[in-house]
C-alpha cells in the first residue's frame, strides 16, 4: 500500500506513506507464532514536512547535503551526542551515577524488608504456572553464557525449546550458548529465544512495556521458575545477592578479576562454601572476559565437579 499527496510547489503527486512486512526477529518479543506475518504502514516524516514548509528537494532535509548548522541550532532537532572531551567525561560520570543509584535502590529494598520484619521463606513452592515464552536480547560481545548452565536445570522441570537469532542491527554472529533440544517446538510448553542485537546489556523481554535488565536479574528470574537449591532456598541468600549485585555493577576485565579473586580468598565458591547462582554468573563473567588466574582455575575445577562448567 502506498499513500500519495499533491505537492503544490512541485505541481505533482508525491509518495508520503508506505507499508511493509515486519522482520521475524521483531515479532519474537511479542510472543507471536512463527508462521504469523504482520504488516506495518504509516506516514513518513520527510514528505509531509516538504509539503508543509514548501521544501522542493528532499536532500535539503536528509542526506550529506544537509546544512548541519541548521540541524544543530534548531531547537526541535538538536544533536545531543557529546562531542567535546568535557562532554564525554560528563557522560561517563552520569552513567556511573546511574549505576550507583541502581545499587542504592537495591539496598533500600533490603533495608525496608528488614525494617518491616519480613520473614523470608527458605522453601520454594512448586511453580503452578510458567510463561510460554522467554525472549532474551544480548550484545554479541558479552553473551549470557550462564544460560548454558541454567537451561538444562530448567529443562528437567519442563521441556524447553531453544533458538538463537542474529538481529539485523549486528554484523557479527553470536556464539551458541543455548543447549539444543531434540523435541519439536510444539512439544515444548516453554520457548526460550536468544536474540543478539545492539543492546547495552542483556535484557529479558516480558512484554512490550516490561523487561528485566542484566544477566544477574535474568538468572534470578529463571531460578524462581523451578525448584532448586541455588538461590532462594539457600541459607546463603544474602551473600548470593551481594555477589550477584557486585558482578552486575562491575565493568571490565580488571575489575571483575579483582572481585572474583577477593571472593575466592574467603570461600571455596563465590558466595560461600557451596555452589550457588552467584557461581553461574561468575563462570559467565570469567569466560566473557577470559579471566585466567590460579585461583580462578581451582574454583572452575570445583564447579566442574558439581556439574557446572563452560
C-alpha atoms as a PDB file:
ATOM      1  CA  UNK A   1       0.000   0.000   0.000  1.00  0.00           C
ATOM      2  CA  UNK A   2       1.279   3.477  -0.886  1.00  0.00           C
ATOM      3  CA  UNK A   3      -0.119   6.892   0.117  1.00  0.00           C
ATOM      4  CA  UNK A   4       0.255   9.936  -2.149  1.00  0.00           C
ATOM      5  CA  UNK A   5      -0.396  13.649  -1.670  1.00  0.00           C
ATOM      6  CA  UNK A   6      -0.393  16.520  -4.125  1.00  0.00           C
ATOM      7  CA  UNK A   7       2.624  18.864  -3.753  1.00  0.00           C
ATOM      8  CA  UNK A   8       1.589  22.331  -4.936  1.00  0.00           C
ATOM      9  CA  UNK A   9       5.181  23.549  -5.139  1.00  0.00           C
ATOM     10  CA  UNK A  10       6.267  20.648  -7.350  1.00  0.00           C
ATOM     11  CA  UNK A  11       2.939  20.509  -9.160  1.00  0.00           C
ATOM     12  CA  UNK A  12       2.718  16.733  -8.882  1.00  0.00           C
ATOM     13  CA  UNK A  13       1.721  13.868  -6.603  1.00  0.00           C
ATOM     14  CA  UNK A  14       4.417  12.568  -4.242  1.00  0.00           C
ATOM     15  CA  UNK A  15       4.560   9.476  -2.026  1.00  0.00           C
ATOM     16  CA  UNK A  16       4.132  10.273   1.705  1.00  0.00           C
ATOM     17  CA  UNK A  17       3.436   6.812   3.155  1.00  0.00           C
ATOM     18  CA  UNK A  18       4.272   3.185   2.576  1.00  0.00           C
ATOM     19  CA  UNK A  19       3.860  -0.279   4.057  1.00  0.00           C
ATOM     20  CA  UNK A  20       5.813  -3.451   4.540  1.00  0.00           C
ATOM     21  CA  UNK A  21       6.139  -6.725   6.481  1.00  0.00           C
ATOM     22  CA  UNK A  22       7.872  -6.983   9.872  1.00  0.00           C
ATOM     23  CA  UNK A  23      11.110  -8.982  10.060  1.00  0.00           C
ATOM     24  CA  UNK A  24      10.770 -12.248  12.093  1.00  0.00           C
ATOM     25  CA  UNK A  25      13.134 -11.156  14.907  1.00  0.00           C
ATOM     26  CA  UNK A  26      10.972  -8.077  15.538  1.00  0.00           C
ATOM     27  CA  UNK A  27       7.931 -10.285  16.211  1.00  0.00           C
ATOM     28  CA  UNK A  28       9.616 -12.724  18.620  1.00  0.00           C
ATOM     29  CA  UNK A  29       9.413 -10.435  21.705  1.00  0.00           C
ATOM     30  CA  UNK A  30       5.671 -10.066  21.075  1.00  0.00           C
ATOM     31  CA  UNK A  31       5.111 -13.787  21.543  1.00  0.00           C
ATOM     32  CA  UNK A  32       3.503 -14.272  18.118  1.00  0.00           C
ATOM     33  CA  UNK A  33       3.670 -17.665  16.372  1.00  0.00           C
ATOM     34  CA  UNK A  34       6.460 -18.035  13.821  1.00  0.00           C
ATOM     35  CA  UNK A  35       4.033 -18.546  10.925  1.00  0.00           C
ATOM     36  CA  UNK A  36       2.229 -15.220  11.502  1.00  0.00           C
ATOM     37  CA  UNK A  37       3.064 -12.307   9.176  1.00  0.00           C
ATOM     38  CA  UNK A  38       2.469  -8.752  10.374  1.00  0.00           C
ATOM     39  CA  UNK A  39       2.034  -5.779   8.012  1.00  0.00           C
ATOM     40  CA  UNK A  40       3.045  -2.258   9.094  1.00  0.00           C
ATOM     41  CA  UNK A  41       2.268   1.052   7.464  1.00  0.00           C
ATOM     42  CA  UNK A  42       2.431   4.727   8.278  1.00  0.00           C
ATOM     43  CA  UNK A  43       3.313   8.231   7.150  1.00  0.00           C
ATOM     44  CA  UNK A  44       6.896   9.256   6.562  1.00  0.00           C
ATOM     45  CA  UNK A  45       8.255  12.420   8.181  1.00  0.00           C
ATOM     46  CA  UNK A  46      10.176  13.818   5.228  1.00  0.00           C
ATOM     47  CA  UNK A  47       7.435  14.126   2.583  1.00  0.00           C
ATOM     48  CA  UNK A  48       4.781  15.821   4.775  1.00  0.00           C
ATOM     49  CA  UNK A  49       7.495  18.185   6.028  1.00  0.00           C
ATOM     50  CA  UNK A  50       8.371  19.099   2.442  1.00  0.00           C
ATOM     51  CA  UNK A  51       4.730  19.822   1.682  1.00  0.00           C
ATOM     52  CA  UNK A  52       4.137  21.858   4.859  1.00  0.00           C
ATOM     53  CA  UNK A  53       7.244  24.028   4.582  1.00  0.00           C
ATOM     54  CA  UNK A  54       7.490  24.254   0.803  1.00  0.00           C
ATOM     55  CA  UNK A  55      10.758  22.316   0.503  1.00  0.00           C
ATOM     56  CA  UNK A  56      11.373  21.285  -3.107  1.00  0.00           C
ATOM     57  CA  UNK A  57      14.285  18.878  -2.650  1.00  0.00           C
ATOM     58  CA  UNK A  58      14.342  16.087  -0.046  1.00  0.00           C
ATOM     59  CA  UNK A  59      18.161  16.376   0.040  1.00  0.00           C
ATOM     60  CA  UNK A  60      17.682  19.661   1.918  1.00  0.00           C
ATOM     61  CA  UNK A  61      16.201  17.627   4.806  1.00  0.00           C
ATOM     62  CA  UNK A  62      18.224  14.397   4.846  1.00  0.00           C
ATOM     63  CA  UNK A  63      21.496  13.270   3.332  1.00  0.00           C
ATOM     64  CA  UNK A  64      25.048  14.548   3.015  1.00  0.00           C
ATOM     65  CA  UNK A  65      23.996  17.951   1.638  1.00  0.00           C
ATOM     66  CA  UNK A  66      22.037  18.984   4.747  1.00  0.00           C
ATOM     67  CA  UNK A  67      23.143  22.184   6.480  1.00  0.00           C
ATOM     68  CA  UNK A  68      24.458  20.866   9.817  1.00  0.00           C
ATOM     69  CA  UNK A  69      24.408  24.349  11.303  1.00  0.00           C
ATOM     70  CA  UNK A  70      20.638  24.421  10.845  1.00  0.00           C
ATOM     71  CA  UNK A  71      20.310  20.963  12.407  1.00  0.00           C
ATOM     72  CA  UNK A  72      22.417  21.830  15.463  1.00  0.00           C
ATOM     73  CA  UNK A  73      20.811  25.197  16.191  1.00  0.00           C
ATOM     74  CA  UNK A  74      17.188  24.223  15.554  1.00  0.00           C
ATOM     75  CA  UNK A  75      15.570  23.557  18.986  1.00  0.00           C
ATOM     76  CA  UNK A  76      13.392  20.789  17.513  1.00  0.00           C
ATOM     77  CA  UNK A  77      16.354  18.914  16.039  1.00  0.00           C
ATOM     78  CA  UNK A  78      19.425  19.262  18.264  1.00  0.00           C
ATOM     79  CA  UNK A  79      22.459  16.975  18.340  1.00  0.00           C
ATOM     80  CA  UNK A  80      22.808  15.830  21.962  1.00  0.00           C
ATOM     81  CA  UNK A  81      25.657  13.371  21.480  1.00  0.00           C
ATOM     82  CA  UNK A  82      28.728  14.503  23.473  1.00  0.00           C
ATOM     83  CA  UNK A  83      31.414  15.806  21.134  1.00  0.00           C
ATOM     84  CA  UNK A  84      33.957  17.582  23.329  1.00  0.00           C
ATOM     85  CA  UNK A  85      36.244  15.865  25.850  1.00  0.00           C
ATOM     86  CA  UNK A  86      34.440  17.548  28.772  1.00  0.00           C
ATOM     87  CA  UNK A  87      31.056  16.411  27.464  1.00  0.00           C
ATOM     88  CA  UNK A  88      32.278  12.840  27.091  1.00  0.00           C
ATOM     89  CA  UNK A  89      33.687  12.849  30.635  1.00  0.00           C
ATOM     90  CA  UNK A  90      30.395  14.245  31.911  1.00  0.00           C
ATOM     91  CA  UNK A  91      28.537  11.454  30.082  1.00  0.00           C
ATOM     92  CA  UNK A  92      30.765   8.819  31.759  1.00  0.00           C
ATOM     93  CA  UNK A  93      30.112  10.344  35.203  1.00  0.00           C
ATOM     94  CA  UNK A  94      26.349  10.319  34.544  1.00  0.00           C
ATOM     95  CA  UNK A  95      26.455   6.621  33.689  1.00  0.00           C
ATOM     96  CA  UNK A  96      28.394   5.884  36.884  1.00  0.00           C
ATOM     97  CA  UNK A  97      25.828   7.780  38.938  1.00  0.00           C
ATOM     98  CA  UNK A  98      23.050   5.776  37.279  1.00  0.00           C
ATOM     99  CA  UNK A  99      24.746   2.533  38.376  1.00  0.00           C
ATOM    100  CA  UNK A 100      25.239   3.877  41.903  1.00  0.00           C
ATOM    101  CA  UNK A 101      21.569   4.889  42.023  1.00  0.00           C
ATOM    102  CA  UNK A 102      20.534   1.419  40.889  1.00  0.00           C
ATOM    103  CA  UNK A 103      22.594  -0.245  43.651  1.00  0.00           C
ATOM    104  CA  UNK A 104      21.175   2.169  46.246  1.00  0.00           C
ATOM    105  CA  UNK A 105      17.646   1.173  45.227  1.00  0.00           C
ATOM    106  CA  UNK A 106      18.531  -2.476  45.826  1.00  0.00           C
ATOM    107  CA  UNK A 107      19.983  -1.654  49.251  1.00  0.00           C
ATOM    108  CA  UNK A 108      16.903   0.411  50.109  1.00  0.00           C
ATOM    109  CA  UNK A 109      14.627  -2.522  49.341  1.00  0.00           C
ATOM    110  CA  UNK A 110      16.688  -4.750  51.637  1.00  0.00           C
ATOM    111  CA  UNK A 111      16.567  -2.164  54.413  1.00  0.00           C
ATOM    112  CA  UNK A 112      12.796  -1.848  54.027  1.00  0.00           C
ATOM    113  CA  UNK A 113      12.423  -5.621  54.169  1.00  0.00           C
ATOM    114  CA  UNK A 114      14.486  -5.800  57.366  1.00  0.00           C
ATOM    115  CA  UNK A 115      12.635  -2.861  58.947  1.00  0.00           C
ATOM    116  CA  UNK A 116       9.283  -4.452  58.202  1.00  0.00           C
ATOM    117  CA  UNK A 117      10.313  -7.651  59.991  1.00  0.00           C
ATOM    118  CA  UNK A 118       9.629  -9.674  56.872  1.00  0.00           C
ATOM    119  CA  UNK A 119      10.423 -13.349  57.191  1.00  0.00           C
ATOM    120  CA  UNK A 120      11.880 -14.950  54.089  1.00  0.00           C
ATOM    121  CA  UNK A 121      10.796 -18.480  53.340  1.00  0.00           C
ATOM    122  CA  UNK A 122      13.634 -20.966  52.883  1.00  0.00           C
ATOM    123  CA  UNK A 123      11.345 -23.172  50.819  1.00  0.00           C
ATOM    124  CA  UNK A 124      10.447 -22.658  47.167  1.00  0.00           C
ATOM    125  CA  UNK A 125       6.911 -23.735  46.421  1.00  0.00           C
ATOM    126  CA  UNK A 126       6.330 -25.615  43.153  1.00  0.00           C
ATOM    127  CA  UNK A 127       5.643 -23.272  40.267  1.00  0.00           C
ATOM    128  CA  UNK A 128       1.999 -23.509  39.275  1.00  0.00           C
ATOM    129  CA  UNK A 129       2.271 -21.594  36.011  1.00  0.00           C
ATOM    130  CA  UNK A 130       5.162 -20.822  33.681  1.00  0.00           C
ATOM    131  CA  UNK A 131       5.393 -18.279  30.873  1.00  0.00           C
ATOM    132  CA  UNK A 132       5.067 -19.770  27.406  1.00  0.00           C
ATOM    133  CA  UNK A 133       7.941 -17.744  26.007  1.00  0.00           C
ATOM    134  CA  UNK A 134      11.158 -16.094  27.210  1.00  0.00           C
ATOM    135  CA  UNK A 135      12.912 -13.731  24.793  1.00  0.00           C
ATOM    136  CA  UNK A 136      16.418 -12.589  25.734  1.00  0.00           C
ATOM    137  CA  UNK A 137      18.276  -9.805  23.922  1.00  0.00           C
ATOM    138  CA  UNK A 138      22.047  -9.692  24.343  1.00  0.00           C
ATOM    139  CA  UNK A 139      25.063  -7.875  22.978  1.00  0.00           C
ATOM    140  CA  UNK A 140      27.187 -10.164  20.819  1.00  0.00           C
ATOM    141  CA  UNK A 141      30.352  -9.005  22.627  1.00  0.00           C
ATOM    142  CA  UNK A 142      29.099 -10.178  26.039  1.00  0.00           C
ATOM    143  CA  UNK A 143      26.890 -13.255  25.636  1.00  0.00           C
ATOM    144  CA  UNK A 144      24.925 -14.619  28.622  1.00  0.00           C
ATOM    145  CA  UNK A 145      26.969 -17.807  28.988  1.00  0.00           C
ATOM    146  CA  UNK A 146      25.103 -18.569  32.218  1.00  0.00           C
ATOM    147  CA  UNK A 147      22.151 -19.721  30.087  1.00  0.00           C
ATOM    148  CA  UNK A 148      24.303 -22.697  29.094  1.00  0.00           C
ATOM    149  CA  UNK A 149      24.360 -23.716  32.763  1.00  0.00           C
ATOM    150  CA  UNK A 150      20.834 -22.966  33.986  1.00  0.00           C
ATOM    151  CA  UNK A 151      18.789 -24.021  30.938  1.00  0.00           C
ATOM    152  CA  UNK A 152      19.420 -27.770  31.436  1.00  0.00           C
ATOM    153  CA  UNK A 153      18.177 -27.432  35.038  1.00  0.00           C
ATOM    154  CA  UNK A 154      15.035 -25.680  33.825  1.00  0.00           C
ATOM    155  CA  UNK A 155      14.562 -28.382  31.172  1.00  0.00           C
ATOM    156  CA  UNK A 156      14.366 -31.039  33.905  1.00  0.00           C
ATOM    157  CA  UNK A 157      11.321 -29.208  35.247  1.00  0.00           C
ATOM    158  CA  UNK A 158       9.612 -28.504  31.900  1.00  0.00           C
ATOM    159  CA  UNK A 159      10.576 -29.182  28.253  1.00  0.00           C
ATOM    160  CA  UNK A 160      12.241 -26.098  26.747  1.00  0.00           C
ATOM    161  CA  UNK A 161      12.597 -25.326  23.045  1.00  0.00           C
ATOM    162  CA  UNK A 162      15.610 -23.093  22.383  1.00  0.00           C
ATOM    163  CA  UNK A 163      16.523 -20.950  19.383  1.00  0.00           C
ATOM    164  CA  UNK A 164      19.123 -18.282  18.639  1.00  0.00           C
ATOM    165  CA  UNK A 165      18.877 -15.416  16.137  1.00  0.00           C
ATOM    166  CA  UNK A 166      21.004 -12.509  14.985  1.00  0.00           C
ATOM    167  CA  UNK A 167      19.207  -9.172  14.648  1.00  0.00           C
ATOM    168  CA  UNK A 168      19.833  -7.147  11.501  1.00  0.00           C
ATOM    169  CA  UNK A 169      21.454  -4.442  13.670  1.00  0.00           C
ATOM    170  CA  UNK A 170      24.553  -6.624  14.263  1.00  0.00           C
ATOM    171  CA  UNK A 171      27.025  -7.963  11.706  1.00  0.00           C
ATOM    172  CA  UNK A 172      28.949 -10.430  13.891  1.00  0.00           C
ATOM    173  CA  UNK A 173      27.373 -13.798  14.614  1.00  0.00           C
ATOM    174  CA  UNK A 174      26.939 -14.513  18.312  1.00  0.00           C
ATOM    175  CA  UNK A 175      28.083 -17.769  19.939  1.00  0.00           C
ATOM    176  CA  UNK A 176      25.650 -20.611  20.536  1.00  0.00           C
ATOM    177  CA  UNK A 177      25.074 -20.568  24.301  1.00  0.00           C
ATOM    178  CA  UNK A 178      21.655 -22.248  24.436  1.00  0.00           C
ATOM    179  CA  UNK A 179      21.622 -26.040  24.635  1.00  0.00           C
ATOM    180  CA  UNK A 180      19.779 -27.687  21.742  1.00  0.00           C
ATOM    181  CA  UNK A 181      16.796 -29.981  22.168  1.00  0.00           C
ATOM    182  CA  UNK A 182      15.628 -32.985  20.195  1.00  0.00           C
ATOM    183  CA  UNK A 183      11.987 -32.097  20.800  1.00  0.00           C
ATOM    184  CA  UNK A 184       9.895 -30.131  18.319  1.00  0.00           C
ATOM    185  CA  UNK A 185       8.710 -26.629  19.146  1.00  0.00           C
ATOM    186  CA  UNK A 186       5.101 -27.795  19.516  1.00  0.00           C
ATOM    187  CA  UNK A 187       6.167 -30.385  22.112  1.00  0.00           C
ATOM    188  CA  UNK A 188       7.687 -27.794  24.484  1.00  0.00           C
ATOM    189  CA  UNK A 189       5.470 -25.657  26.763  1.00  0.00           C
ATOM    190  CA  UNK A 190       8.310 -23.119  27.145  1.00  0.00           C
ATOM    191  CA  UNK A 191      10.163 -21.404  24.293  1.00  0.00           C
ATOM    192  CA  UNK A 192      13.497 -19.747  25.122  1.00  0.00           C
ATOM    193  CA  UNK A 193      14.807 -17.427  22.412  1.00  0.00           C
ATOM    194  CA  UNK A 194      18.141 -15.586  22.408  1.00  0.00           C
ATOM    195  CA  UNK A 195      18.488 -12.619  20.036  1.00  0.00           C
ATOM    196  CA  UNK A 196      21.851 -10.951  19.529  1.00  0.00           C
ATOM    197  CA  UNK A 197      21.130  -7.277  18.937  1.00  0.00           C
ATOM    198  CA  UNK A 198      22.565  -3.793  19.517  1.00  0.00           C
ATOM    199  CA  UNK A 199      21.677  -3.550  23.230  1.00  0.00           C
ATOM    200  CA  UNK A 200      23.858  -2.188  26.030  1.00  0.00           C
ATOM    201  CA  UNK A 201      23.236  -5.127  28.344  1.00  0.00           C
ATOM    202  CA  UNK A 202      21.400  -8.431  28.469  1.00  0.00           C
ATOM    203  CA  UNK A 203      17.642  -7.906  28.592  1.00  0.00           C
ATOM    204  CA  UNK A 204      14.752 -10.313  29.203  1.00  0.00           C
ATOM    205  CA  UNK A 205      11.627  -9.054  27.436  1.00  0.00           C
ATOM    206  CA  UNK A 206       8.477  -9.887  29.409  1.00  0.00           C
ATOM    207  CA  UNK A 207       6.060  -7.756  27.381  1.00  0.00           C
ATOM    208  CA  UNK A 208       6.028  -4.785  25.017  1.00  0.00           C
ATOM    209  CA  UNK A 209       6.345  -2.435  28.014  1.00  0.00           C
ATOM    210  CA  UNK A 210       8.189  -4.510  30.616  1.00  0.00           C
ATOM    211  CA  UNK A 211      11.663  -6.039  30.651  1.00  0.00           C
ATOM    212  CA  UNK A 212      14.322  -7.232  33.099  1.00  0.00           C
ATOM    213  CA  UNK A 213      17.821  -5.797  32.679  1.00  0.00           C
ATOM    214  CA  UNK A 214      21.102  -7.550  33.341  1.00  0.00           C
ATOM    215  CA  UNK A 215      22.315 -11.147  33.287  1.00  0.00           C
ATOM    216  CA  UNK A 216      22.177 -11.314  37.100  1.00  0.00           C
ATOM    217  CA  UNK A 217      18.464 -10.462  37.152  1.00  0.00           C
ATOM    218  CA  UNK A 218      17.853 -12.847  34.242  1.00  0.00           C
ATOM    219  CA  UNK A 219      19.336 -15.656  36.357  1.00  0.00           C
ATOM    220  CA  UNK A 220      17.223 -14.630  39.361  1.00  0.00           C
ATOM    221  CA  UNK A 221      14.075 -14.733  37.245  1.00  0.00           C
ATOM    222  CA  UNK A 222      14.786 -18.178  35.774  1.00  0.00           C
ATOM    223  CA  UNK A 223      15.883 -19.613  39.139  1.00  0.00           C
ATOM    224  CA  UNK A 224      12.455 -18.748  40.545  1.00  0.00           C
ATOM    225  CA  UNK A 225      10.750 -20.783  37.819  1.00  0.00           C
ATOM    226  CA  UNK A 226      11.687 -24.215  39.156  1.00  0.00           C
ATOM    227  CA  UNK A 227      12.655 -25.859  42.483  1.00  0.00           C
ATOM    228  CA  UNK A 228      16.386 -25.671  43.151  1.00  0.00           C
ATOM    229  CA  UNK A 229      18.936 -25.054  45.900  1.00  0.00           C
ATOM    230  CA  UNK A 230      20.952 -22.449  44.014  1.00  0.00           C
ATOM    231  CA  UNK A 231      19.114 -19.332  45.124  1.00  0.00           C
ATOM    232  CA  UNK A 232      16.062 -18.613  47.291  1.00  0.00           C
ATOM    233  CA  UNK A 233      16.044 -21.945  49.109  1.00  0.00           C
ATOM    234  CA  UNK A 234      19.675 -21.442  50.124  1.00  0.00           C
ATOM    235  CA  UNK A 235      20.629 -20.227  53.592  1.00  0.00           C
ATOM    236  CA  UNK A 236      23.261 -18.050  51.858  1.00  0.00           C
ATOM    237  CA  UNK A 237      20.661 -15.871  50.105  1.00  0.00           C
ATOM    238  CA  UNK A 238      22.068 -12.552  51.348  1.00  0.00           C
ATOM    239  CA  UNK A 239      25.601 -13.484  50.317  1.00  0.00           C
ATOM    240  CA  UNK A 240      24.380 -14.713  46.923  1.00  0.00           C
ATOM    241  CA  UNK A 241      22.522 -11.455  46.261  1.00  0.00           C
ATOM    242  CA  UNK A 242      25.542  -9.417  47.319  1.00  0.00           C
ATOM    243  CA  UNK A 243      27.823 -11.247  44.861  1.00  0.00           C
ATOM    244  CA  UNK A 244      25.237 -11.032  42.059  1.00  0.00           C
ATOM    245  CA  UNK A 245      24.881  -7.280  42.609  1.00  0.00           C
ATOM    246  CA  UNK A 246      28.644  -6.791  42.687  1.00  0.00           C
ATOM    247  CA  UNK A 247      29.200  -8.735  39.465  1.00  0.00           C
ATOM    248  CA  UNK A 248      26.358  -6.827  37.793  1.00  0.00           C
ATOM    249  CA  UNK A 249      27.820  -3.429  38.695  1.00  0.00           C
ATOM    250  CA  UNK A 250      31.497  -4.152  37.926  1.00  0.00           C
ATOM    251  CA  UNK A 251      32.903  -3.297  34.491  1.00  0.00           C
ATOM    252  CA  UNK A 252      35.931  -4.579  32.646  1.00  0.00           C
ATOM    253  CA  UNK A 253      38.334  -7.476  32.985  1.00  0.00           C
ATOM    254  CA  UNK A 254      40.488  -5.891  35.697  1.00  0.00           C
ATOM    255  CA  UNK A 255      37.569  -5.025  37.986  1.00  0.00           C
ATOM    256  CA  UNK A 256      35.948  -8.446  37.652  1.00  0.00           C
ATOM    257  CA  UNK A 257      39.274 -10.225  38.198  1.00  0.00           C
ATOM    258  CA  UNK A 258      39.752  -8.380  41.489  1.00  0.00           C
ATOM    259  CA  UNK A 259      36.152  -9.087  42.531  1.00  0.00           C
ATOM    260  CA  UNK A 260      36.239 -12.825  41.799  1.00  0.00           C
ATOM    261  CA  UNK A 261      39.713 -13.265  43.319  1.00  0.00           C
ATOM    262  CA  UNK A 262      38.727 -11.434  46.521  1.00  0.00           C
ATOM    263  CA  UNK A 263      35.639 -13.632  46.921  1.00  0.00           C
ATOM    264  CA  UNK A 264      37.624 -16.839  46.394  1.00  0.00           C
ATOM    265  CA  UNK A 265      40.195 -15.825  49.006  1.00  0.00           C
ATOM    266  CA  UNK A 266      37.449 -16.169  51.624  1.00  0.00           C
ATOM    267  CA  UNK A 267      35.382 -19.114  50.359  1.00  0.00           C
ATOM    268  CA  UNK A 268      35.502 -22.222  48.179  1.00  0.00           C
ATOM    269  CA  UNK A 269      32.772 -20.701  45.992  1.00  0.00           C
ATOM    270  CA  UNK A 270      31.854 -17.075  45.300  1.00  0.00           C
ATOM    271  CA  UNK A 271      29.121 -16.755  47.947  1.00  0.00           C
ATOM    272  CA  UNK A 272      30.186 -19.374  50.474  1.00  0.00           C
ATOM    273  CA  UNK A 273      31.175 -22.966  50.928  1.00  0.00           C
ATOM    274  CA  UNK A 274      28.583 -24.301  48.466  1.00  0.00           C
ATOM    275  CA  UNK A 275      27.924 -23.648  44.801  1.00  0.00           C
ATOM    276  CA  UNK A 276      25.137 -21.159  44.129  1.00  0.00           C
ATOM    277  CA  UNK A 277      23.572 -18.919  41.494  1.00  0.00           C
ATOM    278  CA  UNK A 278      26.448 -16.480  42.060  1.00  0.00           C
ATOM    279  CA  UNK A 279      28.881 -19.050  40.675  1.00  0.00           C
ATOM    280  CA  UNK A 280      26.830 -19.470  37.492  1.00  0.00           C
ATOM    281  CA  UNK A 281      27.078 -15.740  36.833  1.00  0.00           C
ATOM    282  CA  UNK A 282      30.736 -15.762  37.850  1.00  0.00           C
ATOM    283  CA  UNK A 283      31.541 -18.543  35.365  1.00  0.00           C
ATOM    284  CA  UNK A 284      29.835 -16.498  32.643  1.00  0.00           C
ATOM    285  CA  UNK A 285      31.793 -13.336  33.520  1.00  0.00           C
ATOM    286  CA  UNK A 286      35.095 -15.217  33.695  1.00  0.00           C
ATOM    287  CA  UNK A 287      34.515 -16.726  30.256  1.00  0.00           C
ATOM    288  CA  UNK A 288      33.349 -13.430  28.716  1.00  0.00           C
ATOM    289  CA  UNK A 289      36.461 -11.566  29.902  1.00  0.00           C
ATOM    290  CA  UNK A 290      38.812 -14.568  29.546  1.00  0.00           C
ATOM    291  CA  UNK A 291      39.967 -14.306  33.157  1.00  0.00           C
ATOM    292  CA  UNK A 292      42.671 -16.889  33.891  1.00  0.00           C
ATOM    293  CA  UNK A 293      44.346 -16.980  37.313  1.00  0.00           C
ATOM    294  CA  UNK A 294      45.408 -19.907  39.516  1.00  0.00           C
ATOM    295  CA  UNK A 295      42.571 -19.217  41.982  1.00  0.00           C
ATOM    296  CA  UNK A 296      40.011 -18.980  39.176  1.00  0.00           C
ATOM    297  CA  UNK A 297      41.199 -22.271  37.660  1.00  0.00           C
ATOM    298  CA  UNK A 298      40.894 -24.059  41.020  1.00  0.00           C
ATOM    299  CA  UNK A 299      37.406 -22.640  41.519  1.00  0.00           C
ATOM    300  CA  UNK A 300      36.399 -23.677  37.978  1.00  0.00           C
ATOM    301  CA  UNK A 301      37.588 -27.178  38.825  1.00  0.00           C
ATOM    302  CA  UNK A 302      35.387 -27.267  41.931  1.00  0.00           C
ATOM    303  CA  UNK A 303      32.413 -26.042  39.868  1.00  0.00           C
ATOM    304  CA  UNK A 304      33.089 -28.740  37.265  1.00  0.00           C
ATOM    305  CA  UNK A 305      32.942 -31.425  39.957  1.00  0.00           C
ATOM    306  CA  UNK A 306      29.467 -30.078  40.785  1.00  0.00           C
ATOM    307  CA  UNK A 307      28.476 -30.413  37.097  1.00  0.00           C
ATOM    308  CA  UNK A 308      28.818 -26.752  36.067  1.00  0.00           C
ATOM    309  CA  UNK A 309      31.469 -25.752  33.559  1.00  0.00           C
ATOM    310  CA  UNK A 310      31.834 -23.735  30.352  1.00  0.00           C
END
